[in-house]
Amino acid sequence: MPDVTPHHGELAGEPVFWLDAAGEGDVPVLYVHGVPTSADDWVPFLERIGGIAPDLPGFGRSGKRGDGDYTMHRYAPWLQTFLADRGIDRFKLVVHDWGAVGLILAQLDPARVERLVIMNALPLLPGYRWHRVARAWRRPVVGELLMGAINRFTIGVITRESNVKKGKLPQPWIDAVAEQFDLGTQRAILRLYRSGDPEALVAAGAGLGTIACPTLVLWGDGDPYITPGFADDYGAAIPGAEVVHLPDAGHWPWLDRPDVVDTVAAFLAG
């Protein structure tokens, strides 16, 4: 099991944090987290597979400046700069939730992506409508009021429906999210969601058909935020993609099904 190492640095004048671990081969795995989490989501994968997982700006331990651009189209160029700074050209890519911004990166230069795994990712596809919490976040004033009510207890309540097992998500996961859920992250989430109009999501996925690498769409069907039909839609949009449905997993599939880590490892190994 490779050691997972934390790193603090600076990128484009802002603090940046990432985790990495040694992996096999010359092509590293880039993991892109979603909301409201951070690179910590990927520790089980880093321990098993290796790779590199940054905290996106506005999240975790990376910079959270008040005048920052946290719209959806900011993150793909940021990831390009991050990879260049680390000296990474070709990479394998794993995305989850709002980590779908990594799919925007993949469309910018598909030849750089050797393999791709999509897990319960925000649909950059037609037909998606935001879930009720996201709809509230997208509303001015209402979103700010809701953010002000979020704490360790309410994180456990709000995310309770996101797994298929009875009870809330694992307490260490809730504690990690709560610890990093400061005003900077709250501000980033509101700006990110408010940049995600339905037509903007569709436009952001317009080049999915140019992604030619082997692709696995692995979907927890018990996801209350994104219905399993979007797994099939991703499979149809990306040529040759393999779609696997997990009826006994939720929005964070590996929390319900730890064997998901092995499945992803086997696919990335080819």
Protein backbone atom coordinates (compact mmCIF):
# COMPACT_ATOMS: atom_id res chain seq x y z
CA MET A 1 0.00 0.00 0.00
CA PRO A 2 1.64 3.29 -1.07
CA ASP A 3 1.97 6.10 1.43
CA VAL A 4 -0.34 9.08 0.87
CA THR A 5 1.60 12.33 1.20
CA PRO A 6 0.06 15.78 1.76
CA HIS A 7 1.54 18.80 -0.01
CA HIS A 8 1.10 22.55 0.39
CA GLY A 9 2.24 24.87 -2.38
CA GLU A 10 1.32 27.89 -4.44
CA LEU A 11 -0.26 28.01 -7.88
CA ALA A 12 -0.91 31.22 -9.78
CA GLY A 13 -0.38 33.19 -6.59
CA GLU A 14 -2.85 31.17 -4.50
CA PRO A 15 -2.35 28.43 -1.91
CA VAL A 16 -2.89 24.93 -3.24
CA PHE A 17 -3.08 21.61 -1.42
CA TRP A 18 -2.89 18.12 -2.85
CA LEU A 19 -2.42 14.50 -1.85
CA ASP A 20 -0.36 12.06 -3.83
CA ALA A 21 0.90 8.51 -3.67
CA ALA A 22 3.21 6.44 -5.81
CA GLY A 23 1.51 4.27 -8.40
CA GLU A 24 2.52 1.74 -11.01
CA GLY A 25 3.47 2.84 -14.51
CA ASP A 26 4.39 6.19 -15.99
CA VAL A 27 0.88 7.64 -16.34
CA PRO A 28 -0.52 9.00 -13.05
CA VAL A 29 -4.17 9.08 -12.04
CA LEU A 30 -5.75 12.50 -11.50
CA TYR A 31 -8.73 12.44 -9.11
CA VAL A 32 -11.20 15.37 -9.11
CA HIS A 33 -13.52 15.68 -6.12
CA GLY A 34 -16.99 17.21 -5.91
CA VAL A 35 -19.09 19.18 -3.43
CA PRO A 36 -18.81 19.62 -0.48
CA THR A 37 -15.70 17.49 -0.14
CA SER A 38 -11.99 17.63 -0.95
CA ALA A 39 -9.06 15.43 -1.92
CA ASP A 40 -9.77 13.45 1.26
CA ASP A 41 -12.50 11.63 -0.70
CA TRP A 42 -9.77 9.87 -2.65
CA VAL A 43 -7.59 8.51 0.15
CA PRO A 44 -8.83 4.88 -0.29
CA PHE A 45 -8.07 5.12 -4.02
CA LEU A 46 -4.66 6.72 -3.48
CA GLU A 47 -3.76 3.99 -1.00
CA ARG A 48 -4.77 1.28 -3.48
CA ILE A 49 -3.85 2.78 -6.86
CA GLY A 50 -1.67 5.83 -6.29
CA GLY A 51 -2.04 9.10 -8.17
CA ILE A 52 -2.64 12.74 -7.36
CA ALA A 53 -5.69 14.50 -5.90
CA PRO A 54 -5.85 18.30 -5.50
CA ASP A 55 -8.22 20.33 -3.39
CA LEU A 56 -9.96 22.53 -5.95
CA PRO A 57 -9.82 26.30 -5.27
CA GLY A 58 -12.44 27.19 -2.68
CA PHE A 59 -12.38 23.71 -1.12
CA GLY A 60 -10.42 21.83 1.49
CA ARG A 61 -7.06 23.40 2.20
CA SER A 62 -6.55 25.25 -1.11
CA GLY A 63 -7.00 29.02 -1.45
CA LYS A 64 -10.44 30.53 -0.79
CA ARG A 65 -10.00 34.20 -1.62
CA GLY A 66 -13.15 36.28 -1.38
CA ASP A 67 -12.94 37.62 -4.93
CA GLY A 68 -12.14 34.20 -6.45
CA ASP A 69 -13.75 32.84 -9.60
CA TYR A 70 -15.53 29.67 -8.53
CA THR A 71 -17.66 29.24 -11.64
CA MET A 72 -17.68 25.90 -13.43
CA HIS A 73 -15.52 27.07 -16.33
CA ARG A 74 -12.69 28.24 -14.09
CA TYR A 75 -11.71 24.77 -12.92
CA ALA A 76 -10.63 23.09 -16.17
CA PRO A 77 -7.98 25.78 -16.92
CA TRP A 78 -6.93 25.59 -13.27
CA LEU A 79 -6.46 21.83 -13.56
CA GLN A 80 -4.41 22.37 -16.73
CA THR A 81 -2.14 24.74 -14.83
CA PHE A 82 -1.93 22.35 -11.87
CA LEU A 83 -0.89 19.44 -14.11
CA ALA A 84 1.68 21.59 -15.91
CA ASP A 85 3.11 22.71 -12.58
CA ARG A 86 3.49 19.07 -11.55
CA GLY A 87 5.06 18.14 -14.89
CA ILE A 88 2.20 15.81 -15.84
CA ASP A 89 1.35 15.42 -19.55
CA ARG A 90 -0.69 12.24 -20.03
CA PHE A 91 -2.91 11.09 -17.19
CA LYS A 92 -5.75 8.80 -16.19
CA LEU A 93 -8.80 10.60 -14.85
CA VAL A 94 -11.35 9.76 -12.13
CA VAL A 95 -14.21 12.18 -11.46
CA HIS A 96 -17.13 12.32 -9.04
CA ASP A 97 -20.01 14.78 -8.53
CA TRP A 98 -18.84 18.33 -9.45
CA GLY A 99 -15.53 16.68 -10.33
CA ALA A 100 -17.26 16.62 -13.72
CA VAL A 101 -15.23 19.79 -14.33
CA GLY A 102 -12.50 17.24 -15.06
CA LEU A 103 -14.57 16.17 -18.08
CA ILE A 104 -14.32 19.74 -19.37
CA LEU A 105 -10.55 19.34 -19.01
CA ALA A 106 -10.69 16.04 -20.93
CA GLN A 107 -12.53 17.70 -23.80
CA LEU A 108 -9.87 20.41 -24.11
CA ASP A 109 -7.25 17.83 -25.14
CA PRO A 110 -8.68 14.29 -25.27
CA ALA A 111 -5.40 12.75 -26.40
CA ARG A 112 -3.88 13.43 -22.97
CA VAL A 113 -6.37 11.16 -21.18
CA GLU A 114 -5.38 7.50 -21.18
CA ARG A 115 -8.33 6.12 -19.21
CA LEU A 116 -11.42 7.67 -17.64
CA VAL A 117 -13.72 6.71 -14.76
CA ILE A 118 -16.95 8.64 -14.14
CA MET A 119 -18.74 8.03 -10.85
CA ASN A 120 -22.08 9.73 -10.11
CA ALA A 121 -20.89 12.87 -11.82
CA LEU A 122 -22.90 16.00 -12.45
CA PRO A 123 -24.50 15.50 -15.88
CA LEU A 124 -22.98 17.71 -18.57
CA LEU A 125 -25.93 16.47 -20.56
CA PRO A 126 -29.46 17.47 -21.55
CA GLY A 127 -32.34 16.93 -19.16
CA TYR A 128 -30.76 17.42 -15.76
CA ARG A 129 -32.65 19.41 -13.14
CA TRP A 130 -31.11 20.37 -9.84
CA HIS A 131 -32.06 18.55 -6.63
CA ARG A 132 -33.84 20.48 -3.89
CA VAL A 133 -30.78 21.50 -1.85
CA ALA A 134 -29.01 22.72 -5.00
CA ARG A 135 -32.11 24.65 -6.05
CA ALA A 136 -32.00 26.46 -2.71
CA TRP A 137 -28.27 27.16 -3.05
CA ARG A 138 -28.85 28.64 -6.48
CA ARG A 139 -31.32 31.21 -5.12
CA PRO A 140 -29.87 34.51 -3.88
CA VAL A 141 -30.42 35.15 -0.16
CA VAL A 142 -32.09 31.74 0.32
CA GLY A 143 -28.79 30.04 -0.48
CA GLU A 144 -26.88 32.22 1.96
CA LEU A 145 -29.41 31.56 4.72
CA LEU A 146 -29.24 27.81 4.15
CA MET A 147 -25.45 27.88 4.20
CA GLY A 148 -25.55 29.67 7.54
CA ALA A 149 -27.53 26.79 9.03
CA ILE A 150 -25.09 24.08 7.97
CA ASN A 151 -22.93 22.55 10.70
CA ARG A 152 -21.63 19.12 11.69
CA PHE A 153 -25.12 17.95 12.73
CA THR A 154 -26.96 19.23 9.66
CA ILE A 155 -24.30 17.79 7.32
CA GLY A 156 -25.13 14.38 8.77
CA VAL A 157 -28.86 14.99 8.32
CA ILE A 158 -28.67 16.43 4.80
CA THR A 159 -26.40 13.68 3.48
CA ARG A 160 -28.26 10.87 5.26
CA GLU A 161 -30.25 10.08 2.09
CA SER A 162 -27.15 9.84 -0.10
CA ASN A 163 -26.22 6.32 0.97
CA VAL A 164 -28.28 3.16 0.74
CA LYS A 165 -27.29 1.80 4.13
CA LYS A 166 -29.46 2.71 7.09
CA GLY A 167 -28.27 5.71 9.05
CA LYS A 168 -25.96 8.57 8.24
CA LEU A 169 -22.70 8.50 6.33
CA PRO A 170 -19.58 7.43 8.26
CA GLN A 171 -18.79 9.85 11.09
CA PRO A 172 -15.14 10.35 10.00
CA TRP A 173 -16.44 11.47 6.59
CA ILE A 174 -18.90 13.91 8.19
CA ASP A 175 -16.20 15.23 10.53
CA ALA A 176 -13.78 15.84 7.64
CA VAL A 177 -16.42 17.72 5.62
CA ALA A 178 -17.50 19.80 8.63
CA GLU A 179 -13.92 20.74 9.49
CA GLN A 180 -13.35 22.22 6.02
CA PHE A 181 -16.83 23.72 5.55
CA ASP A 182 -15.85 27.28 6.35
CA LEU A 183 -17.16 30.56 4.91
CA GLY A 184 -14.74 30.29 1.99
CA THR A 185 -16.08 26.90 0.93
CA GLN A 186 -19.67 28.02 1.41
CA ARG A 187 -19.03 31.01 -0.85
CA ALA A 188 -17.37 28.78 -3.48
CA ILE A 189 -20.29 26.33 -3.47
CA LEU A 190 -22.85 29.09 -4.01
CA ARG A 191 -20.90 30.62 -6.89
CA LEU A 192 -20.28 27.22 -8.45
CA TYR A 193 -23.92 26.14 -8.37
CA ARG A 194 -25.13 29.51 -9.61
CA SER A 195 -22.90 29.13 -12.68
CA GLY A 196 -24.56 25.83 -13.54
CA ASP A 197 -27.64 26.78 -15.53
CA PRO A 198 -29.02 23.79 -17.48
CA GLU A 199 -27.94 25.20 -20.83
CA ALA A 200 -24.44 25.84 -19.45
CA LEU A 201 -24.15 22.21 -18.34
CA VAL A 202 -25.16 20.96 -21.79
CA ALA A 203 -22.71 23.33 -23.49
CA ALA A 204 -19.92 22.13 -21.19
CA GLY A 205 -20.49 18.56 -22.38
CA ALA A 206 -20.77 19.34 -26.08
CA GLY A 207 -17.40 17.68 -26.80
CA LEU A 208 -17.87 14.48 -24.81
CA GLY A 209 -17.97 12.58 -28.10
CA THR A 210 -14.33 13.52 -28.72
CA ILE A 211 -13.18 11.48 -25.72
CA ALA A 212 -11.79 8.32 -27.28
CA CYS A 213 -10.02 6.65 -24.36
CA PRO A 214 -11.41 3.56 -22.58
CA THR A 215 -14.11 4.85 -20.24
CA LEU A 216 -15.94 3.29 -17.30
CA VAL A 217 -19.15 4.86 -16.01
CA LEU A 218 -19.68 3.41 -12.53
CA TRP A 219 -22.93 4.51 -10.91
CA GLY A 220 -24.52 4.12 -7.51
CA ASP A 221 -28.19 3.83 -8.46
CA GLY A 222 -29.34 4.83 -4.97
CA ASP A 223 -28.19 8.39 -5.62
CA PRO A 224 -30.96 10.85 -4.61
CA TYR A 225 -29.31 13.73 -6.49
CA ILE A 226 -28.58 12.27 -9.94
CA THR A 227 -30.80 9.54 -11.34
CA PRO A 228 -29.16 6.40 -12.81
CA GLY A 229 -30.42 7.19 -16.29
CA PHE A 230 -27.63 9.74 -16.59
CA ALA A 231 -25.09 6.92 -16.32
CA ASP A 232 -26.52 5.51 -19.53
CA ASP A 233 -26.57 8.99 -21.07
CA TYR A 234 -22.87 9.39 -20.32
CA GLY A 235 -22.31 5.95 -21.82
CA ALA A 236 -24.10 7.01 -24.99
CA ALA A 237 -22.24 10.33 -25.21
CA ILE A 238 -18.72 8.86 -24.90
CA PRO A 239 -17.86 6.37 -27.65
CA GLY A 240 -17.34 2.84 -26.39
CA ALA A 241 -17.92 3.66 -22.73
CA GLU A 242 -18.75 0.76 -20.41
CA VAL A 243 -21.61 1.42 -17.97
CA VAL A 244 -21.91 -0.45 -14.68
CA HIS A 245 -24.89 0.14 -12.37
CA LEU A 246 -24.61 -0.54 -8.64
CA PRO A 247 -28.12 -0.89 -7.20
CA ASP A 248 -26.74 -1.21 -3.66
CA ALA A 249 -24.69 2.02 -3.66
CA GLY A 250 -25.50 5.71 -3.34
CA HIS A 251 -23.99 9.03 -4.35
CA TRP A 252 -20.54 8.17 -2.94
CA PRO A 253 -20.50 4.57 -4.24
CA TRP A 254 -17.30 3.53 -2.48
CA LEU A 255 -18.76 4.37 0.95
CA ASP A 256 -21.51 1.80 0.42
CA ARG A 257 -19.37 -0.57 -1.63
CA PRO A 258 -15.67 -0.51 -0.64
CA ASP A 259 -14.98 -2.98 -3.45
CA VAL A 260 -15.57 -0.08 -5.87
CA VAL A 261 -11.94 0.88 -5.19
CA ASP A 262 -10.79 -2.51 -6.53
CA THR A 263 -13.08 -2.18 -9.55
CA VAL A 264 -11.62 1.22 -10.41
CA ALA A 265 -8.08 -0.08 -9.84
CA ALA A 266 -8.61 -3.02 -12.20
CA PHE A 267 -10.06 -0.78 -14.91
CA LEU A 268 -7.29 1.80 -14.67
CA ALA A 269 -4.70 -0.97 -14.87
CA GLY A 270 -6.22 -2.03 -18.18
